[in-house]
Structure formats: structure tokens, C-alpha cells
Amino acid sequence: MVQEPVSKIGFIGDKTSIEFFRLFGAAIFPAATVEEAGKIMESINFDDYGIVFITEEVFDRELFSRYLMDKKLLPIPSLISATGKGHLIVDELIRKATGMKDGD
């Protein structure tokens, strides 16, 4: 019986927020700035990953839009989140996926 390869899961963001996921076998890529996150994303092969999560502090929708289009990058709130930007992005993606309109 041939087993299908399992895609990896990655996390990009501040080390405090992503270190925990190493315990579950996820690849972690510490980044403190948008620029550092950009360099990381250019260096990894997204074909090897089912999904890569990125904390909102190092996420820039305009710069990273091509990764969003491939549905390989998902912004998430971090432990140090203060802006709520990650929550809004996740809410927007859920609404799109479920066909919900604003105010539903």
C-alpha cells in the first residue's frame, strides 16, 4: 500500500508565538519584521507545504498577496497581537469560505 506524502506545516512570526508549534513537527521560521518574513518566504519551497501560517505583525497583504492567491499562506493573530488585524483577516476568510455576507 502506497501512502500519500503528508504536506508540511510552517509558521512565520515572532519566536514566542510560533515556537510552541515545533513540538508538533511544524517548521518554524522566526521573523521580527515584514522584511525578514519576505526573505523567508522567498527562500522556502511552498510546494512542500500544505499551509504556512504567518503572524499579523510580520504580514503585509500587499507584499504577500501572491501567496494568499495560492491559498498557501494564512495570517493569524500572535501572542503579542495588539492590532486585531489577524482576527479581521481570519474572519474575512471564513466569511468568504462560507459565503456569509457582512452583518450575517
PDB file of N, CA and C in Angstrom:
ATOM      1  N   MET A   1       0.834  -1.175   0.000  1.00  0.00           N
ATOM      2  CA  MET A   1       0.000   0.000   0.000  1.00  0.00           C
ATOM      3  C   MET A   1       0.881   1.242   0.000  1.00  0.00           C
ATOM      4  N   VAL A   2       0.647   2.131  -0.950  1.00  0.00           N
ATOM      5  CA  VAL A   2       1.420   3.363  -1.067  1.00  0.00           C
ATOM      6  C   VAL A   2       0.738   4.450  -0.253  1.00  0.00           C
ATOM      7  N   GLN A   3       1.511   5.062   0.619  1.00  0.00           N
ATOM      8  CA  GLN A   3       0.967   6.131   1.454  1.00  0.00           C
ATOM      9  C   GLN A   3       1.246   7.476   0.799  1.00  0.00           C
ATOM     10  N   GLU A   4       0.227   8.335   0.747  1.00  0.00           N
ATOM     11  CA  GLU A   4       0.380   9.676   0.187  1.00  0.00           C
ATOM     12  C   GLU A   4       1.316  10.489   1.078  1.00  0.00           C
ATOM     13  N   PRO A   5       2.194  11.295   0.477  1.00  0.00           N
ATOM     14  CA  PRO A   5       3.068  12.144   1.287  1.00  0.00           C
ATOM     15  C   PRO A   5       2.242  13.196   2.022  1.00  0.00           C
ATOM     16  N   VAL A   6       2.647  13.467   3.235  1.00  0.00           N
ATOM     17  CA  VAL A   6       1.967  14.467   4.048  1.00  0.00           C
ATOM     18  C   VAL A   6       2.678  15.797   3.862  1.00  0.00           C
ATOM     19  N   SER A   7       1.906  16.814   3.548  1.00  0.00           N
ATOM     20  CA  SER A   7       2.493  18.146   3.401  1.00  0.00           C
ATOM     21  C   SER A   7       2.898  18.687   4.759  1.00  0.00           C
ATOM     22  N   LYS A   8       3.933  19.471   4.746  1.00  0.00           N
ATOM     23  CA  LYS A   8       4.415  20.093   5.982  1.00  0.00           C
ATOM     24  C   LYS A   8       3.571  21.323   6.297  1.00  0.00           C
ATOM     25  N   ILE A   9       3.636  21.729   7.547  1.00  0.00           N
ATOM     26  CA  ILE A   9       3.001  22.957   8.017  1.00  0.00           C
ATOM     27  C   ILE A   9       4.112  23.864   8.514  1.00  0.00           C
ATOM     28  N   GLY A  10       4.036  25.144   8.155  1.00  0.00           N
ATOM     29  CA  GLY A  10       5.049  26.100   8.581  1.00  0.00           C
ATOM     30  C   GLY A  10       4.432  27.281   9.308  1.00  0.00           C
ATOM     31  N   PHE A  11       5.245  27.918  10.124  1.00  0.00           N
ATOM     32  CA  PHE A  11       4.843  29.114  10.860  1.00  0.00           C
ATOM     33  C   PHE A  11       5.937  30.163  10.731  1.00  0.00           C
ATOM     34  N   ILE A  12       5.540  31.375  10.367  1.00  0.00           N
ATOM     35  CA  ILE A  12       6.460  32.509  10.283  1.00  0.00           C
ATOM     36  C   ILE A  12       5.968  33.563  11.266  1.00  0.00           C
ATOM     37  N   GLY A  13       6.867  34.083  12.085  1.00  0.00           N
ATOM     38  CA  GLY A  13       6.474  35.137  13.014  1.00  0.00           C
ATOM     39  C   GLY A  13       7.426  35.266  14.175  1.00  0.00           C
ATOM     40  N   ASP A  14       6.989  36.019  15.167  1.00  0.00           N
ATOM     41  CA  ASP A  14       7.855  36.204  16.326  1.00  0.00           C
ATOM     42  C   ASP A  14       8.039  34.863  17.038  1.00  0.00           C
ATOM     43  N   LYS A  15       9.246  34.646  17.520  1.00  0.00           N
ATOM     44  CA  LYS A  15       9.627  33.346  18.066  1.00  0.00           C
ATOM     45  C   LYS A  15       8.717  32.909  19.216  1.00  0.00           C
ATOM     46  N   THR A  16       8.302  33.823  20.056  1.00  0.00           N
ATOM     47  CA  THR A  16       7.449  33.497  21.199  1.00  0.00           C
ATOM     48  C   THR A  16       6.124  32.895  20.735  1.00  0.00           C
ATOM     49  N   SER A  17       5.564  33.420  19.674  1.00  0.00           N
ATOM     50  CA  SER A  17       4.261  32.966  19.191  1.00  0.00           C
ATOM     51  C   SER A  17       4.314  31.656  18.428  1.00  0.00           C
ATOM     52  N   ILE A  18       5.437  31.356  17.792  1.00  0.00           N
ATOM     53  CA  ILE A  18       5.475  30.176  16.919  1.00  0.00           C
ATOM     54  C   ILE A  18       6.267  28.997  17.469  1.00  0.00           C
ATOM     55  N   GLU A  19       7.111  29.209  18.451  1.00  0.00           N
ATOM     56  CA  GLU A  19       7.985  28.152  18.971  1.00  0.00           C
ATOM     57  C   GLU A  19       7.201  26.916  19.420  1.00  0.00           C
ATOM     58  N   PHE A  20       6.048  27.121  20.002  1.00  0.00           N
ATOM     59  CA  PHE A  20       5.212  26.033  20.504  1.00  0.00           C
ATOM     60  C   PHE A  20       4.895  24.996  19.420  1.00  0.00           C
ATOM     61  N   PHE A  21       4.702  25.432  18.201  1.00  0.00           N
ATOM     62  CA  PHE A  21       4.288  24.546  17.123  1.00  0.00           C
ATOM     63  C   PHE A  21       5.388  23.588  16.676  1.00  0.00           C
ATOM     64  N   ARG A  22       6.616  23.865  17.077  1.00  0.00           N
ATOM     65  CA  ARG A  22       7.731  22.941  16.792  1.00  0.00           C
ATOM     66  C   ARG A  22       7.471  21.589  17.464  1.00  0.00           C
ATOM     67  N   LEU A  23       6.818  21.601  18.632  1.00  0.00           N
ATOM     68  CA  LEU A  23       6.514  20.372  19.359  1.00  0.00           C
ATOM     69  C   LEU A  23       5.658  19.411  18.542  1.00  0.00           C
ATOM     70  N   PHE A  24       4.891  19.942  17.604  1.00  0.00           N
ATOM     71  CA  PHE A  24       4.005  19.128  16.785  1.00  0.00           C
ATOM     72  C   PHE A  24       4.584  18.837  15.400  1.00  0.00           C
ATOM     73  N   GLY A  25       5.863  19.132  15.226  1.00  0.00           N
ATOM     74  CA  GLY A  25       6.531  18.819  13.979  1.00  0.00           C
ATOM     75  C   GLY A  25       6.444  19.892  12.909  1.00  0.00           C
ATOM     76  N   ALA A  26       5.888  21.043  13.242  1.00  0.00           N
ATOM     77  CA  ALA A  26       5.800  22.132  12.266  1.00  0.00           C
ATOM     78  C   ALA A  26       7.164  22.781  12.082  1.00  0.00           C
ATOM     79  N   ALA A  27       7.403  23.272  10.885  1.00  0.00           N
ATOM     80  CA  ALA A  27       8.618  24.046  10.614  1.00  0.00           C
ATOM     81  C   ALA A  27       8.371  25.470  11.092  1.00  0.00           C
ATOM     82  N   ILE A  28       9.303  26.007  11.838  1.00  0.00           N
ATOM     83  CA  ILE A  28       9.136  27.386  12.306  1.00  0.00           C
ATOM     84  C   ILE A  28      10.235  28.262  11.715  1.00  0.00           C
ATOM     85  N   PHE A  29       9.827  29.491  11.399  1.00  0.00           N
ATOM     86  CA  PHE A  29      10.730  30.459  10.790  1.00  0.00           C
ATOM     87  C   PHE A  29      10.577  31.775  11.540  1.00  0.00           C
ATOM     88  N   PRO A  30      11.424  32.011  12.554  1.00  0.00           N
ATOM     89  CA  PRO A  30      11.315  33.257  13.318  1.00  0.00           C
ATOM     90  C   PRO A  30      11.601  34.483  12.442  1.00  0.00           C
ATOM     91  N   ALA A  31      10.731  35.484  12.566  1.00  0.00           N
ATOM     92  CA  ALA A  31      10.885  36.748  11.845  1.00  0.00           C
ATOM     93  C   ALA A  31      10.342  37.859  12.733  1.00  0.00           C
ATOM     94  N   ALA A  32      11.096  38.936  12.826  1.00  0.00           N
ATOM     95  CA  ALA A  32      10.673  40.069  13.659  1.00  0.00           C
ATOM     96  C   ALA A  32      10.089  41.213  12.837  1.00  0.00           C
ATOM     97  N   THR A  33      10.313  41.181  11.514  1.00  0.00           N
ATOM     98  CA  THR A  33       9.841  42.274  10.661  1.00  0.00           C
ATOM     99  C   THR A  33       9.215  41.716   9.378  1.00  0.00           C
ATOM    100  N   VAL A  34       8.489  42.569   8.688  1.00  0.00           N
ATOM    101  CA  VAL A  34       7.906  42.200   7.389  1.00  0.00           C
ATOM    102  C   VAL A  34       9.020  41.828   6.415  1.00  0.00           C
ATOM    103  N   GLU A  35      10.120  42.568   6.453  1.00  0.00           N
ATOM    104  CA  GLU A  35      11.232  42.303   5.543  1.00  0.00           C
ATOM    105  C   GLU A  35      11.826  40.919   5.795  1.00  0.00           C
ATOM    106  N   GLU A  36      12.007  40.555   7.060  1.00  0.00           N
ATOM    107  CA  GLU A  36      12.538  39.229   7.391  1.00  0.00           C
ATOM    108  C   GLU A  36      11.577  38.144   6.920  1.00  0.00           C
ATOM    109  N   ALA A  37      10.288  38.354   7.112  1.00  0.00           N
ATOM    110  CA  ALA A  37       9.285  37.383   6.663  1.00  0.00           C
ATOM    111  C   ALA A  37       9.340  37.230   5.151  1.00  0.00           C
ATOM    112  N   GLY A  38       9.511  38.330   4.435  1.00  0.00           N
ATOM    113  CA  GLY A  38       9.610  38.283   2.981  1.00  0.00           C
ATOM    114  C   GLY A  38      10.797  37.452   2.519  1.00  0.00           C
ATOM    115  N   LYS A  39      11.935  37.630   3.163  1.00  0.00           N
ATOM    116  CA  LYS A  39      13.125  36.848   2.810  1.00  0.00           C
ATOM    117  C   LYS A  39      12.897  35.359   3.061  1.00  0.00           C
ATOM    118  N   ILE A  40      12.217  35.050   4.164  1.00  0.00           N
ATOM    119  CA  ILE A  40      11.924  33.654   4.483  1.00  0.00           C
ATOM    120  C   ILE A  40      11.019  33.056   3.417  1.00  0.00           C
ATOM    121  N   MET A  41       9.972  33.790   3.044  1.00  0.00           N
ATOM    122  CA  MET A  41       9.032  33.268   2.061  1.00  0.00           C
ATOM    123  C   MET A  41       9.678  33.062   0.702  1.00  0.00           C
ATOM    124  N   GLU A  42      10.635  33.897   0.364  1.00  0.00           N
ATOM    125  CA  GLU A  42      11.351  33.724  -0.897  1.00  0.00           C
ATOM    126  C   GLU A  42      12.272  32.503  -0.862  1.00  0.00           C
ATOM    127  N   SER A  43      12.696  32.114   0.341  1.00  0.00           N
ATOM    128  CA  SER A  43      13.666  31.026   0.453  1.00  0.00           C
ATOM    129  C   SER A  43      13.020  29.643   0.623  1.00  0.00           C
ATOM    130  N   ILE A  44      11.760  29.576   1.028  1.00  0.00           N
ATOM    131  CA  ILE A  44      11.160  28.258   1.224  1.00  0.00           C
ATOM    132  C   ILE A  44      10.391  27.832  -0.024  1.00  0.00           C
ATOM    133  N   ASN A  45      10.292  26.541  -0.208  1.00  0.00           N
ATOM    134  CA  ASN A  45       9.556  25.977  -1.336  1.00  0.00           C
ATOM    135  C   ASN A  45       8.116  25.723  -0.879  1.00  0.00           C
ATOM    136  N   PHE A  46       7.195  26.565  -1.298  1.00  0.00           N
ATOM    137  CA  PHE A  46       5.809  26.457  -0.871  1.00  0.00           C
ATOM    138  C   PHE A  46       5.154  25.165  -1.350  1.00  0.00           C
ATOM    139  N   ASP A  47       5.700  24.529  -2.370  1.00  0.00           N
ATOM    140  CA  ASP A  47       5.148  23.259  -2.841  1.00  0.00           C
ATOM    141  C   ASP A  47       5.294  22.157  -1.791  1.00  0.00           C
ATOM    142  N   ASP A  48       6.252  22.318  -0.872  1.00  0.00           N
ATOM    143  CA  ASP A  48       6.469  21.333   0.188  1.00  0.00           C
ATOM    144  C   ASP A  48       5.490  21.504   1.352  1.00  0.00           C
ATOM    145  N   TYR A  49       4.716  22.582   1.343  1.00  0.00           N
ATOM    146  CA  TYR A  49       3.858  22.907   2.481  1.00  0.00           C
ATOM    147  C   TYR A  49       2.385  22.880   2.096  1.00  0.00           C
ATOM    148  N   GLY A  50       1.594  22.283   2.973  1.00  0.00           N
ATOM    149  CA  GLY A  50       0.155  22.336   2.795  1.00  0.00           C
ATOM    150  C   GLY A  50      -0.344  23.728   3.102  1.00  0.00           C
ATOM    151  N   ILE A  51       0.258  24.330   4.119  1.00  0.00           N
ATOM    152  CA  ILE A  51      -0.083  25.693   4.524  1.00  0.00           C
ATOM    153  C   ILE A  51       1.052  26.272   5.353  1.00  0.00           C
ATOM    154  N   VAL A  52       1.198  27.585   5.260  1.00  0.00           N
ATOM    155  CA  VAL A  52       2.154  28.314   6.083  1.00  0.00           C
ATOM    156  C   VAL A  52       1.368  29.419   6.785  1.00  0.00           C
ATOM    157  N   PHE A  53       1.435  29.421   8.102  1.00  0.00           N
ATOM    158  CA  PHE A  53       0.791  30.452   8.898  1.00  0.00           C
ATOM    159  C   PHE A  53       1.795  31.574   9.135  1.00  0.00           C
ATOM    160  N   ILE A  54       1.312  32.810   9.153  1.00  0.00           N
ATOM    161  CA  ILE A  54       2.188  33.956   9.389  1.00  0.00           C
ATOM    162  C   ILE A  54       1.506  34.887  10.385  1.00  0.00           C
ATOM    163  N   THR A  55       2.241  35.331  11.389  1.00  0.00           N
ATOM    164  CA  THR A  55       1.634  36.211  12.394  1.00  0.00           C
ATOM    165  C   THR A  55       1.424  37.597  11.810  1.00  0.00           C
ATOM    166  N   GLU A  56       0.392  38.243  12.315  1.00  0.00           N
ATOM    167  CA  GLU A  56      -0.037  39.518  11.742  1.00  0.00           C
ATOM    168  C   GLU A  56       1.026  40.611  11.803  1.00  0.00           C
ATOM    169  N   GLU A  57       1.913  40.577  12.781  1.00  0.00           N
ATOM    170  CA  GLU A  57       2.927  41.628  12.889  1.00  0.00           C
ATOM    171  C   GLU A  57       3.924  41.625  11.741  1.00  0.00           C
ATOM    172  N   VAL A  58       4.141  40.466  11.129  1.00  0.00           N
ATOM    173  CA  VAL A  58       5.114  40.392  10.033  1.00  0.00           C
ATOM    174  C   VAL A  58       4.430  40.137   8.688  1.00  0.00           C
ATOM    175  N   PHE A  59       3.117  40.308   8.657  1.00  0.00           N
ATOM    176  CA  PHE A  59       2.346  40.094   7.445  1.00  0.00           C
ATOM    177  C   PHE A  59       2.004  41.428   6.788  1.00  0.00           C
ATOM    178  N   ASP A  60       2.147  41.476   5.464  1.00  0.00           N
ATOM    179  CA  ASP A  60       1.754  42.642   4.679  1.00  0.00           C
ATOM    180  C   ASP A  60       0.943  42.131   3.487  1.00  0.00           C
ATOM    181  N   ARG A  61      -0.361  42.439   3.481  1.00  0.00           N
ATOM    182  CA  ARG A  61      -1.268  41.905   2.445  1.00  0.00           C
ATOM    183  C   ARG A  61      -0.797  42.261   1.038  1.00  0.00           C
ATOM    184  N   GLU A  62      -0.353  43.479   0.841  1.00  0.00           N
ATOM    185  CA  GLU A  62       0.065  43.917  -0.490  1.00  0.00           C
ATOM    186  C   GLU A  62       1.320  43.173  -0.964  1.00  0.00           C
ATOM    187  N   LEU A  63       2.311  43.081  -0.089  1.00  0.00           N
ATOM    188  CA  LEU A  63       3.564  42.425  -0.461  1.00  0.00           C
ATOM    189  C   LEU A  63       3.423  40.924  -0.651  1.00  0.00           C
ATOM    190  N   PHE A  64       2.544  40.298   0.123  1.00  0.00           N
ATOM    191  CA  PHE A  64       2.451  38.844   0.124  1.00  0.00           C
ATOM    192  C   PHE A  64       1.192  38.318  -0.559  1.00  0.00           C
ATOM    193  N   SER A  65       0.550  39.151  -1.377  1.00  0.00           N
ATOM    194  CA  SER A  65      -0.722  38.764  -1.989  1.00  0.00           C
ATOM    195  C   SER A  65      -0.599  37.527  -2.874  1.00  0.00           C
ATOM    196  N   ARG A  66       0.536  37.335  -3.537  1.00  0.00           N
ATOM    197  CA  ARG A  66       0.666  36.171  -4.427  1.00  0.00           C
ATOM    198  C   ARG A  66       0.604  34.855  -3.646  1.00  0.00           C
ATOM    199  N   TYR A  67       1.064  34.863  -2.406  1.00  0.00           N
ATOM    200  CA  TYR A  67       0.993  33.662  -1.579  1.00  0.00           C
ATOM    201  C   TYR A  67      -0.436  33.419  -1.090  1.00  0.00           C
ATOM    202  N   LEU A  68      -1.179  34.506  -0.891  1.00  0.00           N
ATOM    203  CA  LEU A  68      -2.576  34.377  -0.488  1.00  0.00           C
ATOM    204  C   LEU A  68      -3.402  33.778  -1.616  1.00  0.00           C
ATOM    205  N   MET A  69      -3.093  34.162  -2.852  1.00  0.00           N
ATOM    206  CA  MET A  69      -3.825  33.673  -4.011  1.00  0.00           C
ATOM    207  C   MET A  69      -3.685  32.156  -4.146  1.00  0.00           C
ATOM    208  N   ASP A  70      -2.522  31.627  -3.787  1.00  0.00           N
ATOM    209  CA  ASP A  70      -2.286  30.186  -3.862  1.00  0.00           C
ATOM    210  C   ASP A  70      -2.900  29.439  -2.686  1.00  0.00           C
ATOM    211  N   LYS A  71      -3.475  30.196  -1.746  1.00  0.00           N
ATOM    212  CA  LYS A  71      -4.075  29.625  -0.535  1.00  0.00           C
ATOM    213  C   LYS A  71      -3.058  28.809   0.258  1.00  0.00           C
ATOM    214  N   LYS A  72      -1.820  29.244   0.202  1.00  0.00           N
ATOM    215  CA  LYS A  72      -0.767  28.566   0.944  1.00  0.00           C
ATOM    216  C   LYS A  72      -0.345  29.358   2.182  1.00  0.00           C
ATOM    217  N   LEU A  73      -0.798  30.602   2.292  1.00  0.00           N
ATOM    218  CA  LEU A  73      -0.385  31.480   3.384  1.00  0.00           C
ATOM    219  C   LEU A  73      -1.629  31.950   4.123  1.00  0.00           C
ATOM    220  N   LEU A  74      -1.615  31.807   5.449  1.00  0.00           N
ATOM    221  CA  LEU A  74      -2.757  32.232   6.246  1.00  0.00           C
ATOM    222  C   LEU A  74      -2.281  33.097   7.403  1.00  0.00           C
ATOM    223  N   PRO A  75      -2.649  34.381   7.395  1.00  0.00           N
ATOM    224  CA  PRO A  75      -2.292  35.262   8.516  1.00  0.00           C
ATOM    225  C   PRO A  75      -3.095  34.879   9.756  1.00  0.00           C
ATOM    226  N   ILE A  76      -2.417  34.910  10.896  1.00  0.00           N
ATOM    227  CA  ILE A  76      -3.058  34.584  12.171  1.00  0.00           C
ATOM    228  C   ILE A  76      -2.636  35.590  13.232  1.00  0.00           C
ATOM    229  N   PRO A  77      -3.444  35.737  14.273  1.00  0.00           N
ATOM    230  CA  PRO A  77      -3.038  36.582  15.402  1.00  0.00           C
ATOM    231  C   PRO A  77      -1.858  35.930  16.122  1.00  0.00           C
ATOM    232  N   SER A  78      -1.055  36.736  16.768  1.00  0.00           N
ATOM    233  CA  SER A  78       0.068  36.209  17.535  1.00  0.00           C
ATOM    234  C   SER A  78      -0.192  36.410  19.021  1.00  0.00           C
ATOM    235  N   LEU A  79       0.717  35.912  19.837  1.00  0.00           N
ATOM    236  CA  LEU A  79       0.594  36.099  21.282  1.00  0.00           C
ATOM    237  C   LEU A  79       0.749  37.560  21.674  1.00  0.00           C
ATOM    238  N   ILE A  80       1.484  38.323  20.856  1.00  0.00           N
ATOM    239  CA  ILE A  80       1.723  39.728  21.192  1.00  0.00           C
ATOM    240  C   ILE A  80       0.832  40.670  20.395  1.00  0.00           C
ATOM    241  N   SER A  81      -0.176  40.108  19.759  1.00  0.00           N
ATOM    242  CA  SER A  81      -1.069  40.878  18.899  1.00  0.00           C
ATOM    243  C   SER A  81      -1.754  42.001  19.666  1.00  0.00           C
ATOM    244  N   ALA A  82      -1.716  43.176  19.075  1.00  0.00           N
ATOM    245  CA  ALA A  82      -2.384  44.323  19.685  1.00  0.00           C
ATOM    246  C   ALA A  82      -3.337  44.998  18.718  1.00  0.00           C
ATOM    247  N   THR A  83      -3.195  44.690  17.432  1.00  0.00           N
ATOM    248  CA  THR A  83      -3.971  45.420  16.430  1.00  0.00           C
ATOM    249  C   THR A  83      -5.301  44.760  16.084  1.00  0.00           C
ATOM    250  N   GLY A  84      -5.391  43.448  16.251  1.00  0.00           N
ATOM    251  CA  GLY A  84      -6.599  42.741  15.853  1.00  0.00           C
ATOM    252  C   GLY A  84      -6.660  42.464  14.364  1.00  0.00           C
ATOM    253  N   LYS A  85      -5.603  42.845  13.630  1.00  0.00           N
ATOM    254  CA  LYS A  85      -5.567  42.663  12.182  1.00  0.00           C
ATOM    255  C   LYS A  85      -5.695  41.181  11.816  1.00  0.00           C
ATOM    256  N   GLY A  86      -5.031  40.317  12.560  1.00  0.00           N
ATOM    257  CA  GLY A  86      -5.104  38.883  12.288  1.00  0.00           C
ATOM    258  C   GLY A  86      -6.501  38.340  12.463  1.00  0.00           C
ATOM    259  N   HIS A  87      -7.200  38.789  13.499  1.00  0.00           N
ATOM    260  CA  HIS A  87      -8.575  38.351  13.721  1.00  0.00           C
ATOM    261  C   HIS A  87      -9.472  38.786  12.567  1.00  0.00           C
ATOM    262  N   LEU A  88      -9.283  40.005  12.078  1.00  0.00           N
ATOM    263  CA  LEU A  88     -10.093  40.502  10.968  1.00  0.00           C
ATOM    264  C   LEU A  88      -9.839  39.708   9.692  1.00  0.00           C
ATOM    265  N   ILE A  89      -8.577  39.370   9.435  1.00  0.00           N
ATOM    266  CA  ILE A  89      -8.234  38.609   8.236  1.00  0.00           C
ATOM    267  C   ILE A  89      -8.839  37.213   8.311  1.00  0.00           C
ATOM    268  N   VAL A  90      -8.711  36.552   9.460  1.00  0.00           N
ATOM    269  CA  VAL A  90      -9.279  35.219   9.618  1.00  0.00           C
ATOM    270  C   VAL A  90     -10.798  35.274   9.463  1.00  0.00           C
ATOM    271  N   ASP A  91     -11.443  36.274  10.062  1.00  0.00           N
ATOM    272  CA  ASP A  91     -12.893  36.433   9.945  1.00  0.00           C
ATOM    273  C   ASP A  91     -13.298  36.618   8.479  1.00  0.00           C
ATOM    274  N   GLU A  92     -12.550  37.445   7.753  1.00  0.00           N
ATOM    275  CA  GLU A  92     -12.843  37.679   6.336  1.00  0.00           C
ATOM    276  C   GLU A  92     -12.720  36.388   5.525  1.00  0.00           C
ATOM    277  N   LEU A  93     -11.686  35.599   5.791  1.00  0.00           N
ATOM    278  CA  LEU A  93     -11.501  34.345   5.064  1.00  0.00           C
ATOM    279  C   LEU A  93     -12.617  33.348   5.374  1.00  0.00           C
ATOM    280  N   ILE A  94     -13.059  33.300   6.620  1.00  0.00           N
ATOM    281  CA  ILE A  94     -14.156  32.407   6.999  1.00  0.00           C
ATOM    282  C   ILE A  94     -15.440  32.837   6.295  1.00  0.00           C
ATOM    283  N   ARG A  95     -15.689  34.138   6.261  1.00  0.00           N
ATOM    284  CA  ARG A  95     -16.888  34.633   5.591  1.00  0.00           C
ATOM    285  C   ARG A  95     -16.866  34.282   4.103  1.00  0.00           C
ATOM    286  N   LYS A  96     -15.730  34.429   3.460  1.00  0.00           N
ATOM    287  CA  LYS A  96     -15.626  34.090   2.042  1.00  0.00           C
ATOM    288  C   LYS A  96     -15.849  32.595   1.826  1.00  0.00           C
ATOM    289  N   ALA A  97     -15.247  31.785   2.680  1.00  0.00           N
ATOM    290  CA  ALA A  97     -15.340  30.335   2.525  1.00  0.00           C
ATOM    291  C   ALA A  97     -16.763  29.831   2.739  1.00  0.00           C
ATOM    292  N   THR A  98     -17.492  30.498   3.615  1.00  0.00           N
ATOM    293  CA  THR A  98     -18.849  30.036   3.937  1.00  0.00           C
ATOM    294  C   THR A  98     -19.920  30.775   3.165  1.00  0.00           C
ATOM    295  N   GLY A  99     -19.537  31.814   2.407  1.00  0.00           N
ATOM    296  CA  GLY A  99     -20.497  32.580   1.633  1.00  0.00           C
ATOM    297  C   GLY A  99     -21.300  33.584   2.461  1.00  0.00           C
ATOM    298  N   MET A 100     -20.842  33.837   3.681  1.00  0.00           N
ATOM    299  CA  MET A 100     -21.533  34.783   4.548  1.00  0.00           C
ATOM    300  C   MET A 100     -21.261  36.220   4.085  1.00  0.00           C
ATOM    301  N   LYS A 101     -22.228  37.061   4.243  1.00  0.00           N
ATOM    302  CA  LYS A 101     -22.084  38.486   3.948  1.00  0.00           C
ATOM    303  C   LYS A 101     -21.860  39.232   5.244  1.00  0.00           C
ATOM    304  N   ASP A 102     -21.327  40.458   5.155  1.00  0.00           N
ATOM    305  CA  ASP A 102     -21.169  41.282   6.345  1.00  0.00           C
ATOM    306  C   ASP A 102     -22.538  41.455   6.998  1.00  0.00           C
ATOM    307  N   GLY A 103     -22.562  41.333   8.315  1.00  0.00           N
ATOM    308  CA  GLY A 103     -23.802  41.522   9.055  1.00  0.00           C
ATOM    309  C   GLY A 103     -24.580  40.226   9.271  1.00  0.00           C
ATOM    310  N   ASP A 104     -24.113  39.105   8.666  1.00  0.00           N
ATOM    311  CA  ASP A 104     -24.808  37.820   8.868  1.00  0.00           C
ATOM    312  C   ASP A 104     -24.571  37.301  10.267  1.00  0.00           C
TER     313      ASP A 104
END
